């Protein structure tokens, strides 16, 4: 009875949740473990690379500050010359997203 309840629970989770849980039970039923897996459609795609050599915020060369940082926003990598530029980006990411789409910095 216990095995069927576990398998029924796992089947219900698999049908309603994007993260599926597979329950593995040993033949005796004493040791069980839960393994999480994501369906192929729920796995994130590889982010698009940053194509510019300058910082979108300061218009400086990315290596000018020796503090190069990056972030991923909506599937796109954004690179900055320093942490303060990353902070400015986070305040208004759509502004810089449009700049990157236009292929230019400040």
N, C-alpha and C. Protein backbone atom coordinates (compact mmCIF):
# COMPACT_ATOMS: atom_id res chain seq x y z
N UNK A 1 0.82 -1.19 0.00
CA UNK A 1 0.00 0.00 0.00
C UNK A 1 0.86 1.26 0.00
N UNK A 2 1.93 1.27 0.80
CA UNK A 2 2.78 2.45 0.90
C UNK A 2 3.44 2.79 -0.44
N UNK A 3 3.93 1.76 -1.16
CA UNK A 3 4.56 2.00 -2.46
C UNK A 3 3.58 2.63 -3.44
N UNK A 4 2.35 2.15 -3.45
CA UNK A 4 1.38 2.69 -4.40
C UNK A 4 1.04 4.14 -4.08
N UNK A 5 1.02 4.51 -2.79
CA UNK A 5 0.76 5.90 -2.41
C UNK A 5 1.91 6.79 -2.88
N UNK A 6 3.14 6.31 -2.73
CA UNK A 6 4.30 7.08 -3.16
C UNK A 6 4.30 7.26 -4.66
N UNK A 7 4.05 6.19 -5.40
CA UNK A 7 4.02 6.30 -6.86
C UNK A 7 2.85 7.17 -7.33
N UNK A 8 1.71 7.09 -6.66
CA UNK A 8 0.56 7.92 -7.01
C UNK A 8 0.89 9.38 -6.76
N UNK A 9 1.53 9.68 -5.64
CA UNK A 9 1.94 11.06 -5.34
C UNK A 9 2.92 11.56 -6.39
N UNK A 10 3.88 10.75 -6.76
CA UNK A 10 4.85 11.14 -7.78
C UNK A 10 4.17 11.38 -9.12
N UNK A 11 3.20 10.56 -9.46
CA UNK A 11 2.47 10.73 -10.72
C UNK A 11 1.67 12.02 -10.71
N UNK A 12 1.05 12.34 -9.58
CA UNK A 12 0.28 13.59 -9.48
C UNK A 12 1.19 14.80 -9.59
N UNK A 13 2.34 14.76 -8.94
CA UNK A 13 3.29 15.85 -9.04
C UNK A 13 3.78 16.03 -10.47
N UNK A 14 4.03 14.93 -11.14
CA UNK A 14 4.52 14.99 -12.51
C UNK A 14 3.50 15.60 -13.45
N UNK A 15 2.24 15.43 -13.17
CA UNK A 15 1.22 15.93 -14.09
C UNK A 15 0.89 17.39 -13.86
N UNK A 16 1.21 17.96 -12.69
CA UNK A 16 0.79 19.34 -12.43
C UNK A 16 1.93 20.31 -12.21
N UNK A 17 3.15 19.86 -12.03
CA UNK A 17 4.25 20.73 -11.69
C UNK A 17 5.32 20.70 -12.77
N UNK A 18 5.96 21.87 -13.06
CA UNK A 18 7.02 21.85 -14.06
C UNK A 18 8.26 21.09 -13.60
N UNK A 19 8.51 21.02 -12.30
CA UNK A 19 9.62 20.23 -11.78
C UNK A 19 9.06 18.91 -11.31
N UNK A 20 9.53 17.85 -11.94
CA UNK A 20 9.02 16.53 -11.62
C UNK A 20 9.87 15.91 -10.53
N UNK A 21 9.23 15.17 -9.66
CA UNK A 21 9.95 14.46 -8.62
C UNK A 21 9.79 12.97 -8.87
N UNK A 22 10.90 12.28 -8.90
CA UNK A 22 10.91 10.85 -9.07
C UNK A 22 11.27 10.23 -7.74
N UNK A 23 10.45 9.33 -7.27
CA UNK A 23 10.70 8.69 -5.99
C UNK A 23 11.28 7.32 -6.23
N UNK A 24 12.44 7.07 -5.62
CA UNK A 24 13.09 5.77 -5.74
C UNK A 24 12.96 5.06 -4.40
N UNK A 25 12.40 3.88 -4.41
CA UNK A 25 12.19 3.11 -3.19
C UNK A 25 12.92 1.79 -3.32
N UNK A 26 13.65 1.39 -2.27
CA UNK A 26 14.31 0.10 -2.32
C UNK A 26 13.27 -1.01 -2.11
N UNK A 27 13.59 -2.24 -2.44
CA UNK A 27 12.61 -3.33 -2.34
C UNK A 27 12.03 -3.50 -0.94
N UNK A 28 12.79 -3.20 0.09
CA UNK A 28 12.30 -3.36 1.45
C UNK A 28 11.43 -2.17 1.85
N UNK A 29 11.65 -1.01 1.24
CA UNK A 29 10.85 0.17 1.52
C UNK A 29 11.36 1.01 2.66
N UNK A 30 12.56 0.73 3.15
CA UNK A 30 13.09 1.48 4.28
C UNK A 30 13.81 2.74 3.84
N UNK A 31 14.53 2.68 2.75
CA UNK A 31 15.31 3.83 2.28
C UNK A 31 14.70 4.35 0.99
N UNK A 32 14.25 5.57 1.02
CA UNK A 32 13.72 6.17 -0.19
C UNK A 32 14.37 7.54 -0.37
N UNK A 33 14.44 7.98 -1.59
CA UNK A 33 15.02 9.29 -1.87
C UNK A 33 14.19 9.97 -2.95
N UNK A 34 14.24 11.29 -2.95
CA UNK A 34 13.53 12.08 -3.94
C UNK A 34 14.56 12.72 -4.85
N UNK A 35 14.38 12.57 -6.15
CA UNK A 35 15.29 13.12 -7.14
C UNK A 35 14.51 14.12 -7.97
N UNK A 36 15.01 15.37 -8.04
CA UNK A 36 14.34 16.40 -8.84
C UNK A 36 14.94 16.45 -10.23
N UNK A 37 14.07 16.62 -11.21
CA UNK A 37 14.52 16.80 -12.58
C UNK A 37 13.58 17.76 -13.27
N UNK A 38 14.09 18.49 -14.24
CA UNK A 38 13.27 19.42 -15.00
C UNK A 38 13.03 18.85 -16.38
N UNK A 39 11.80 19.02 -16.88
CA UNK A 39 11.55 18.59 -18.26
C UNK A 39 12.38 19.43 -19.22
N UNK A 40 12.65 18.92 -20.40
CA UNK A 40 13.47 19.63 -21.38
C UNK A 40 12.94 21.03 -21.67
N UNK A 41 11.60 21.20 -21.72
CA UNK A 41 11.03 22.50 -22.05
C UNK A 41 11.24 23.52 -20.94
N UNK A 42 11.47 23.09 -19.70
CA UNK A 42 11.64 24.01 -18.57
C UNK A 42 13.10 24.40 -18.36
N UNK A 43 14.04 23.74 -19.02
CA UNK A 43 15.44 24.06 -18.84
C UNK A 43 15.75 25.38 -19.55
N UNK A 44 16.50 26.27 -18.87
CA UNK A 44 16.78 27.57 -19.47
C UNK A 44 17.71 27.44 -20.67
N UNK A 45 17.49 28.31 -21.64
CA UNK A 45 18.34 28.33 -22.83
C UNK A 45 19.64 29.04 -22.49
N UNK A 46 20.67 28.77 -23.26
CA UNK A 46 21.95 29.43 -23.05
C UNK A 46 21.79 30.92 -23.35
N UNK A 47 22.27 31.81 -22.47
CA UNK A 47 22.09 33.25 -22.70
C UNK A 47 22.87 33.72 -23.92
N UNK A 48 22.31 34.75 -24.57
CA UNK A 48 22.98 35.33 -25.74
C UNK A 48 24.20 36.12 -25.28
N UNK A 49 25.30 36.05 -26.01
CA UNK A 49 26.53 36.73 -25.59
C UNK A 49 26.46 38.25 -25.79
N UNK A 50 27.26 38.95 -25.03
CA UNK A 50 27.38 40.41 -25.14
C UNK A 50 28.28 40.70 -26.33
N UNK A 51 27.86 41.57 -27.22
CA UNK A 51 28.58 41.77 -28.48
C UNK A 51 29.43 43.04 -28.55
N UNK A 52 29.32 43.91 -27.56
CA UNK A 52 30.06 45.17 -27.60
C UNK A 52 31.37 45.06 -26.82
N UNK A 53 32.29 45.97 -27.08
CA UNK A 53 33.56 46.01 -26.35
C UNK A 53 33.56 47.13 -25.32
N UNK A 54 32.48 47.87 -25.25
CA UNK A 54 32.37 48.97 -24.29
C UNK A 54 31.21 48.74 -23.33
N UNK A 55 31.26 49.43 -22.23
CA UNK A 55 30.22 49.37 -21.21
C UNK A 55 29.03 50.18 -21.68
N UNK A 56 27.83 49.63 -21.57
CA UNK A 56 26.62 50.35 -21.99
C UNK A 56 26.33 51.57 -21.11
N UNK A 57 26.78 51.56 -19.89
CA UNK A 57 26.46 52.65 -18.96
C UNK A 57 27.46 53.80 -19.09
N UNK A 58 28.75 53.49 -19.02
CA UNK A 58 29.76 54.56 -19.00
C UNK A 58 30.39 54.85 -20.35
N UNK A 59 30.20 54.00 -21.31
CA UNK A 59 30.81 54.10 -22.64
C UNK A 59 32.33 53.91 -22.60
N UNK A 60 32.83 53.36 -21.50
CA UNK A 60 34.26 53.06 -21.36
C UNK A 60 34.56 51.67 -21.89
N UNK A 61 35.81 51.43 -22.21
CA UNK A 61 36.25 50.09 -22.58
C UNK A 61 35.97 49.15 -21.41
N UNK A 62 35.54 47.95 -21.69
CA UNK A 62 35.17 47.01 -20.62
C UNK A 62 36.32 46.70 -19.67
N UNK A 63 37.54 46.76 -20.14
CA UNK A 63 38.69 46.44 -19.30
C UNK A 63 39.35 47.69 -18.72
N UNK A 64 38.73 48.84 -18.84
CA UNK A 64 39.34 50.08 -18.37
C UNK A 64 39.45 50.17 -16.85
N UNK A 65 38.60 49.49 -16.11
CA UNK A 65 38.60 49.60 -14.66
C UNK A 65 39.18 48.38 -13.96
N UNK A 66 39.57 47.35 -14.68
CA UNK A 66 40.07 46.10 -14.09
C UNK A 66 39.08 45.50 -13.09
N UNK A 67 37.82 45.73 -13.32
CA UNK A 67 36.78 45.26 -12.41
C UNK A 67 35.57 44.75 -13.21
N UNK A 68 35.80 44.26 -14.37
CA UNK A 68 34.74 43.84 -15.29
C UNK A 68 33.74 42.91 -14.61
N UNK A 69 32.44 43.24 -14.73
CA UNK A 69 31.38 42.43 -14.15
C UNK A 69 30.31 42.18 -15.21
N UNK A 70 29.51 41.15 -14.99
CA UNK A 70 28.45 40.85 -15.95
C UNK A 70 27.24 40.31 -15.23
N UNK A 71 26.12 40.35 -15.93
CA UNK A 71 24.87 39.80 -15.43
C UNK A 71 24.07 39.28 -16.61
N UNK A 72 23.08 38.44 -16.34
CA UNK A 72 22.18 37.95 -17.38
C UNK A 72 20.81 38.52 -17.08
N UNK A 73 20.22 39.18 -18.08
CA UNK A 73 18.90 39.77 -17.94
C UNK A 73 18.06 39.33 -19.14
N UNK A 74 16.96 38.67 -18.87
CA UNK A 74 16.04 38.17 -19.90
C UNK A 74 16.77 37.42 -21.01
N UNK A 75 17.67 36.53 -20.63
CA UNK A 75 18.35 35.67 -21.59
C UNK A 75 19.48 36.32 -22.35
N UNK A 76 19.91 37.52 -21.93
CA UNK A 76 20.99 38.25 -22.59
C UNK A 76 22.08 38.55 -21.57
N UNK A 77 23.33 38.31 -21.94
CA UNK A 77 24.45 38.68 -21.08
C UNK A 77 24.72 40.16 -21.28
N UNK A 78 24.91 40.88 -20.17
CA UNK A 78 25.31 42.28 -20.19
C UNK A 78 26.61 42.39 -19.42
N UNK A 79 27.61 43.10 -19.99
CA UNK A 79 28.90 43.26 -19.33
C UNK A 79 29.14 44.74 -19.05
N UNK A 80 29.82 45.00 -17.91
CA UNK A 80 30.06 46.36 -17.47
C UNK A 80 31.51 46.50 -17.02
N UNK A 81 32.00 47.72 -17.03
CA UNK A 81 33.39 47.97 -16.66
C UNK A 81 33.59 47.93 -15.14
N UNK A 82 32.50 48.11 -14.36
CA UNK A 82 32.64 48.14 -12.90
C UNK A 82 31.29 47.88 -12.22
N UNK A 83 31.34 47.63 -10.93
CA UNK A 83 30.12 47.36 -10.15
C UNK A 83 29.15 48.53 -10.11
N UNK A 84 29.60 49.79 -10.00
CA UNK A 84 28.63 50.90 -10.03
C UNK A 84 27.80 50.95 -11.32
N UNK A 85 28.41 50.57 -12.44
CA UNK A 85 27.66 50.54 -13.71
C UNK A 85 26.60 49.43 -13.67
N UNK A 86 26.93 48.31 -13.06
CA UNK A 86 25.95 47.24 -12.90
C UNK A 86 24.78 47.72 -12.05
N UNK A 87 25.06 48.47 -11.00
CA UNK A 87 24.01 49.02 -10.13
C UNK A 87 23.10 49.95 -10.92
N UNK A 88 23.69 50.81 -11.76
CA UNK A 88 22.89 51.73 -12.59
C UNK A 88 22.04 50.93 -13.58
N UNK A 89 22.60 49.88 -14.15
CA UNK A 89 21.85 49.03 -15.07
C UNK A 89 20.62 48.45 -14.40
N UNK A 90 20.79 47.95 -13.19
CA UNK A 90 19.68 47.31 -12.48
C UNK A 90 18.55 48.27 -12.15
N UNK A 91 18.82 49.57 -12.10
CA UNK A 91 17.78 50.56 -11.85
C UNK A 91 16.88 50.76 -13.06
N UNK A 92 17.43 50.58 -14.26
CA UNK A 92 16.65 50.78 -15.49
C UNK A 92 17.16 49.86 -16.60
N UNK A 93 16.95 48.55 -16.46
CA UNK A 93 17.51 47.62 -17.44
C UNK A 93 16.94 47.77 -18.85
N UNK A 94 15.69 48.17 -18.98
CA UNK A 94 15.11 48.28 -20.33
C UNK A 94 15.79 49.37 -21.15
N UNK A 95 16.26 50.43 -20.49
CA UNK A 95 16.99 51.50 -21.19
C UNK A 95 18.24 50.93 -21.86
N UNK A 96 18.99 50.14 -21.10
CA UNK A 96 20.24 49.59 -21.61
C UNK A 96 20.01 48.41 -22.54
N UNK A 97 18.90 47.74 -22.36
CA UNK A 97 18.51 46.66 -23.26
C UNK A 97 18.27 47.24 -24.66
N UNK A 98 17.61 48.40 -24.72
CA UNK A 98 17.37 49.08 -26.00
C UNK A 98 18.67 49.53 -26.63
N UNK A 99 19.61 50.03 -25.82
CA UNK A 99 20.91 50.45 -26.34
C UNK A 99 21.66 49.28 -26.96
N UNK A 100 21.62 48.14 -26.29
CA UNK A 100 22.30 46.97 -26.83
C UNK A 100 21.66 46.52 -28.14
N UNK A 101 20.34 46.58 -28.19
CA UNK A 101 19.62 46.20 -29.42
C UNK A 101 20.01 47.12 -30.57
N UNK A 102 20.27 48.40 -30.26
CA UNK A 102 20.68 49.34 -31.28
C UNK A 102 22.16 49.18 -31.63
N UNK A 103 22.88 48.41 -30.81
CA UNK A 103 24.28 48.13 -31.09
C UNK A 103 25.22 49.23 -30.72
N UNK A 104 24.84 50.04 -29.73
CA UNK A 104 25.72 51.14 -29.34
C UNK A 104 25.67 51.34 -27.83
N UNK A 105 26.68 51.99 -27.32
CA UNK A 105 26.70 52.35 -25.91
C UNK A 105 26.36 53.84 -25.79
N UNK A 106 26.42 54.38 -24.57
CA UNK A 106 26.02 55.76 -24.29
C UNK A 106 26.39 56.65 -25.41
